[in-house]
Amino acid sequence: HLQQKGAKMYGTYWCLACQGQKKAFGKQAFNKINYIECDPAGKNPQTNLCKQAKVTGFPTWEIDGKLSCQGGCTLNNIADLSGYKGDRNFGQ
């Protein structure tokens, strides 16, 4: 669903909230998320995209062209922001 919406998560490798966000999704699901590394020392950094989007905190989600969830969101918050209408069990 988030791929179809073009959702992006901006983060850094050292950000504890970003690590928590990744863990909430699980490795297999998070691998499908468009993750943008904002620290030049991170793996595959895309610092220019972070600057262009005016990201000021991590993680930040971009959904439907709007930045939200600075500092992280619950999966239900992300579902709400993205208009997800499916099952909300999320494997938990």
N, C-alpha and C. Protein backbone atom coordinates (compact mmCIF):
# COMPACT_ATOMS: atom_id res chain seq x y z
N HIS A 1 0.82 -1.20 0.00
CA HIS A 1 0.00 0.00 0.00
C HIS A 1 0.87 1.26 0.00
N LEU A 2 1.89 1.28 0.87
CA LEU A 2 2.74 2.47 0.95
C LEU A 2 3.56 2.66 -0.33
N GLN A 3 3.93 1.58 -0.99
CA GLN A 3 4.62 1.69 -2.28
C GLN A 3 3.71 2.35 -3.30
N GLN A 4 2.46 1.93 -3.34
CA GLN A 4 1.49 2.51 -4.28
C GLN A 4 1.25 3.98 -4.01
N LYS A 5 1.31 4.37 -2.76
CA LYS A 5 1.11 5.77 -2.38
C LYS A 5 2.36 6.62 -2.61
N GLY A 6 3.49 5.96 -2.92
CA GLY A 6 4.74 6.70 -3.11
C GLY A 6 5.31 7.22 -1.80
N ALA A 7 4.98 6.57 -0.69
CA ALA A 7 5.44 7.01 0.63
C ALA A 7 6.95 6.84 0.75
N LYS A 8 7.57 7.75 1.50
CA LYS A 8 9.00 7.72 1.74
C LYS A 8 9.25 7.92 3.23
N MET A 9 10.27 7.24 3.72
CA MET A 9 10.71 7.48 5.08
C MET A 9 12.13 8.02 5.02
N TYR A 10 12.31 9.21 5.58
CA TYR A 10 13.63 9.84 5.68
C TYR A 10 14.19 9.51 7.06
N GLY A 11 15.43 9.07 7.10
CA GLY A 11 16.02 8.74 8.39
C GLY A 11 17.54 8.73 8.32
N THR A 12 18.14 8.31 9.42
CA THR A 12 19.58 8.17 9.50
C THR A 12 19.90 6.84 10.18
N TYR A 13 21.07 6.34 9.89
CA TYR A 13 21.47 5.04 10.43
C TYR A 13 21.62 5.07 11.96
N TRP A 14 21.90 6.24 12.54
CA TRP A 14 22.16 6.35 13.97
C TRP A 14 20.91 6.70 14.79
N CYS A 15 19.82 6.96 14.13
CA CYS A 15 18.58 7.41 14.78
C CYS A 15 17.85 6.24 15.44
N LEU A 16 17.72 6.30 16.77
CA LEU A 16 17.04 5.23 17.50
C LEU A 16 15.55 5.13 17.13
N ALA A 17 14.90 6.27 16.93
CA ALA A 17 13.49 6.24 16.53
C ALA A 17 13.34 5.62 15.14
N CYS A 18 14.31 5.85 14.26
CA CYS A 18 14.28 5.24 12.92
C CYS A 18 14.41 3.72 13.03
N GLN A 19 15.30 3.27 13.91
CA GLN A 19 15.47 1.84 14.12
C GLN A 19 14.19 1.22 14.66
N GLY A 20 13.52 1.93 15.56
CA GLY A 20 12.25 1.46 16.10
C GLY A 20 11.18 1.39 15.03
N GLN A 21 11.18 2.37 14.14
CA GLN A 21 10.21 2.38 13.04
C GLN A 21 10.43 1.18 12.13
N LYS A 22 11.68 0.90 11.81
CA LYS A 22 12.02 -0.25 10.96
C LYS A 22 11.58 -1.55 11.64
N LYS A 23 11.84 -1.65 12.94
CA LYS A 23 11.48 -2.86 13.69
C LYS A 23 9.97 -3.06 13.71
N ALA A 24 9.20 -1.97 13.81
CA ALA A 24 7.74 -2.07 13.84
C ALA A 24 7.21 -2.70 12.55
N PHE A 25 7.83 -2.38 11.44
CA PHE A 25 7.41 -2.96 10.16
C PHE A 25 7.89 -4.40 10.01
N GLY A 26 9.05 -4.71 10.56
CA GLY A 26 9.68 -5.99 10.32
C GLY A 26 10.58 -5.88 9.11
N LYS A 27 11.63 -6.68 9.08
CA LYS A 27 12.65 -6.57 8.04
C LYS A 27 12.07 -6.77 6.63
N GLN A 28 11.26 -7.81 6.45
CA GLN A 28 10.73 -8.11 5.12
C GLN A 28 9.85 -6.98 4.61
N ALA A 29 8.97 -6.48 5.44
CA ALA A 29 8.08 -5.39 5.03
C ALA A 29 8.86 -4.10 4.83
N PHE A 30 9.80 -3.81 5.73
CA PHE A 30 10.52 -2.55 5.61
C PHE A 30 11.39 -2.50 4.37
N ASN A 31 11.84 -3.65 3.90
CA ASN A 31 12.63 -3.69 2.66
C ASN A 31 11.85 -3.15 1.46
N LYS A 32 10.53 -3.10 1.58
CA LYS A 32 9.68 -2.58 0.50
C LYS A 32 9.40 -1.09 0.64
N ILE A 33 9.81 -0.51 1.77
CA ILE A 33 9.61 0.92 2.02
C ILE A 33 10.68 1.72 1.29
N ASN A 34 10.29 2.85 0.71
CA ASN A 34 11.25 3.76 0.08
C ASN A 34 11.93 4.53 1.20
N TYR A 35 13.06 3.99 1.67
CA TYR A 35 13.82 4.60 2.76
C TYR A 35 14.92 5.47 2.18
N ILE A 36 15.03 6.69 2.69
CA ILE A 36 16.04 7.64 2.23
C ILE A 36 16.97 7.96 3.39
N GLU A 37 18.24 7.57 3.23
CA GLU A 37 19.26 7.82 4.25
C GLU A 37 19.73 9.27 4.13
N CYS A 38 19.64 10.01 5.23
CA CYS A 38 19.97 11.44 5.21
C CYS A 38 21.37 11.77 5.72
N ASP A 39 22.06 10.83 6.33
CA ASP A 39 23.40 11.10 6.85
C ASP A 39 24.42 10.69 5.79
N PRO A 40 25.33 11.59 5.42
CA PRO A 40 26.32 11.25 4.40
C PRO A 40 27.19 10.06 4.76
N ALA A 41 27.28 9.72 6.05
CA ALA A 41 28.09 8.58 6.47
C ALA A 41 27.31 7.26 6.43
N GLY A 42 26.01 7.33 6.15
CA GLY A 42 25.18 6.13 6.11
C GLY A 42 25.31 5.38 4.79
N LYS A 43 24.65 4.23 4.73
CA LYS A 43 24.67 3.40 3.53
C LYS A 43 23.76 4.02 2.47
N ASN A 44 24.30 4.20 1.27
CA ASN A 44 23.57 4.80 0.14
C ASN A 44 22.92 6.14 0.51
N PRO A 45 23.69 7.09 1.00
CA PRO A 45 23.11 8.37 1.43
C PRO A 45 22.51 9.15 0.26
N GLN A 46 21.42 9.84 0.56
CA GLN A 46 20.74 10.69 -0.42
C GLN A 46 20.46 12.04 0.24
N THR A 47 21.52 12.65 0.72
CA THR A 47 21.38 13.87 1.51
C THR A 47 20.69 14.99 0.75
N ASN A 48 20.90 15.08 -0.57
CA ASN A 48 20.25 16.13 -1.34
C ASN A 48 18.73 16.00 -1.31
N LEU A 49 18.22 14.75 -1.35
CA LEU A 49 16.76 14.55 -1.28
C LEU A 49 16.23 15.02 0.07
N CYS A 50 16.98 14.78 1.14
CA CYS A 50 16.56 15.21 2.47
C CYS A 50 16.52 16.73 2.56
N LYS A 51 17.54 17.38 1.98
CA LYS A 51 17.57 18.84 1.97
C LYS A 51 16.45 19.42 1.14
N GLN A 52 16.22 18.84 -0.04
CA GLN A 52 15.14 19.32 -0.92
C GLN A 52 13.78 19.20 -0.25
N ALA A 53 13.57 18.11 0.50
CA ALA A 53 12.29 17.89 1.18
C ALA A 53 12.18 18.73 2.45
N LYS A 54 13.29 19.37 2.86
CA LYS A 54 13.32 20.19 4.08
C LYS A 54 13.03 19.37 5.34
N VAL A 55 13.63 18.17 5.38
CA VAL A 55 13.49 17.29 6.53
C VAL A 55 14.33 17.86 7.67
N THR A 56 13.71 18.00 8.84
CA THR A 56 14.42 18.57 9.99
C THR A 56 14.52 17.61 11.17
N GLY A 57 13.85 16.47 11.13
CA GLY A 57 13.90 15.49 12.21
C GLY A 57 13.73 14.10 11.66
N PHE A 58 14.13 13.13 12.46
CA PHE A 58 14.12 11.75 11.97
C PHE A 58 13.39 10.82 12.94
N PRO A 59 12.70 9.83 12.43
CA PRO A 59 12.34 9.70 11.03
C PRO A 59 11.26 10.70 10.66
N THR A 60 11.16 10.99 9.40
CA THR A 60 10.07 11.79 8.85
C THR A 60 9.48 11.00 7.69
N TRP A 61 8.17 10.93 7.66
CA TRP A 61 7.47 10.26 6.56
C TRP A 61 6.94 11.30 5.59
N GLU A 62 7.03 10.99 4.31
CA GLU A 62 6.39 11.79 3.27
C GLU A 62 5.32 10.91 2.63
N ILE A 63 4.08 11.33 2.83
CA ILE A 63 2.93 10.59 2.30
C ILE A 63 2.03 11.59 1.59
N ASP A 64 1.70 11.29 0.35
CA ASP A 64 0.89 12.19 -0.48
C ASP A 64 1.51 13.59 -0.56
N GLY A 65 2.85 13.63 -0.62
CA GLY A 65 3.55 14.90 -0.77
C GLY A 65 3.65 15.74 0.49
N LYS A 66 3.17 15.22 1.61
CA LYS A 66 3.20 15.97 2.87
C LYS A 66 4.13 15.29 3.85
N LEU A 67 4.95 16.08 4.53
CA LEU A 67 5.83 15.56 5.57
C LEU A 67 5.06 15.41 6.87
N SER A 68 5.25 14.28 7.54
CA SER A 68 4.55 14.05 8.81
C SER A 68 5.34 13.05 9.65
N CYS A 69 4.87 12.84 10.84
CA CYS A 69 5.42 11.83 11.75
C CYS A 69 6.87 12.04 12.08
N GLN A 70 7.30 13.29 12.22
CA GLN A 70 8.68 13.51 12.65
C GLN A 70 8.86 12.87 14.01
N GLY A 71 9.88 12.05 14.13
CA GLY A 71 10.13 11.33 15.37
C GLY A 71 9.49 9.96 15.39
N GLY A 72 8.76 9.62 14.32
CA GLY A 72 8.17 8.29 14.20
C GLY A 72 6.68 8.28 14.46
N CYS A 73 6.04 7.24 13.96
CA CYS A 73 4.60 7.05 14.09
C CYS A 73 4.32 5.59 14.39
N THR A 74 3.17 5.35 14.93
CA THR A 74 2.73 3.96 15.03
C THR A 74 2.29 3.51 13.64
N LEU A 75 2.22 2.20 13.46
CA LEU A 75 1.75 1.69 12.18
C LEU A 75 0.32 2.15 11.91
N ASN A 76 -0.50 2.26 12.94
CA ASN A 76 -1.87 2.75 12.75
C ASN A 76 -1.88 4.20 12.30
N ASN A 77 -0.98 5.04 12.84
CA ASN A 77 -0.90 6.43 12.39
C ASN A 77 -0.52 6.50 10.91
N ILE A 78 0.45 5.70 10.52
CA ILE A 78 0.88 5.68 9.12
C ILE A 78 -0.27 5.18 8.24
N ALA A 79 -0.99 4.19 8.71
CA ALA A 79 -2.15 3.69 7.95
C ALA A 79 -3.19 4.80 7.79
N ASP A 80 -3.46 5.54 8.85
CA ASP A 80 -4.42 6.65 8.78
C ASP A 80 -3.96 7.71 7.79
N LEU A 81 -2.70 8.11 7.90
CA LEU A 81 -2.17 9.16 7.02
C LEU A 81 -2.19 8.76 5.55
N SER A 82 -2.02 7.47 5.30
CA SER A 82 -1.95 6.99 3.91
C SER A 82 -3.30 6.54 3.37
N GLY A 83 -4.34 6.58 4.20
CA GLY A 83 -5.66 6.18 3.75
C GLY A 83 -5.84 4.68 3.62
N TYR A 84 -5.05 3.92 4.37
CA TYR A 84 -5.12 2.45 4.31
C TYR A 84 -6.45 1.98 4.87
N LYS A 85 -7.14 1.12 4.10
CA LYS A 85 -8.46 0.65 4.50
C LYS A 85 -8.49 -0.84 4.84
N GLY A 86 -7.35 -1.52 4.77
CA GLY A 86 -7.31 -2.96 5.01
C GLY A 86 -7.25 -3.33 6.48
N ASP A 87 -6.95 -4.60 6.73
CA ASP A 87 -6.83 -5.16 8.07
C ASP A 87 -5.74 -4.42 8.83
N ARG A 88 -6.01 -4.12 10.09
CA ARG A 88 -5.03 -3.38 10.91
C ARG A 88 -4.34 -4.28 11.93
N ASN A 89 -4.37 -5.58 11.76
CA ASN A 89 -3.71 -6.48 12.69
C ASN A 89 -2.20 -6.33 12.62
N PHE A 90 -1.65 -6.09 11.44
CA PHE A 90 -0.23 -5.86 11.20
C PHE A 90 0.67 -6.93 11.80
N GLY A 91 0.18 -8.15 11.93
CA GLY A 91 0.99 -9.26 12.36
C GLY A 91 1.41 -9.21 13.81
N GLN A 92 0.77 -8.40 14.61
CA GLN A 92 1.17 -8.27 16.02
C GLN A 92 0.29 -9.10 16.90
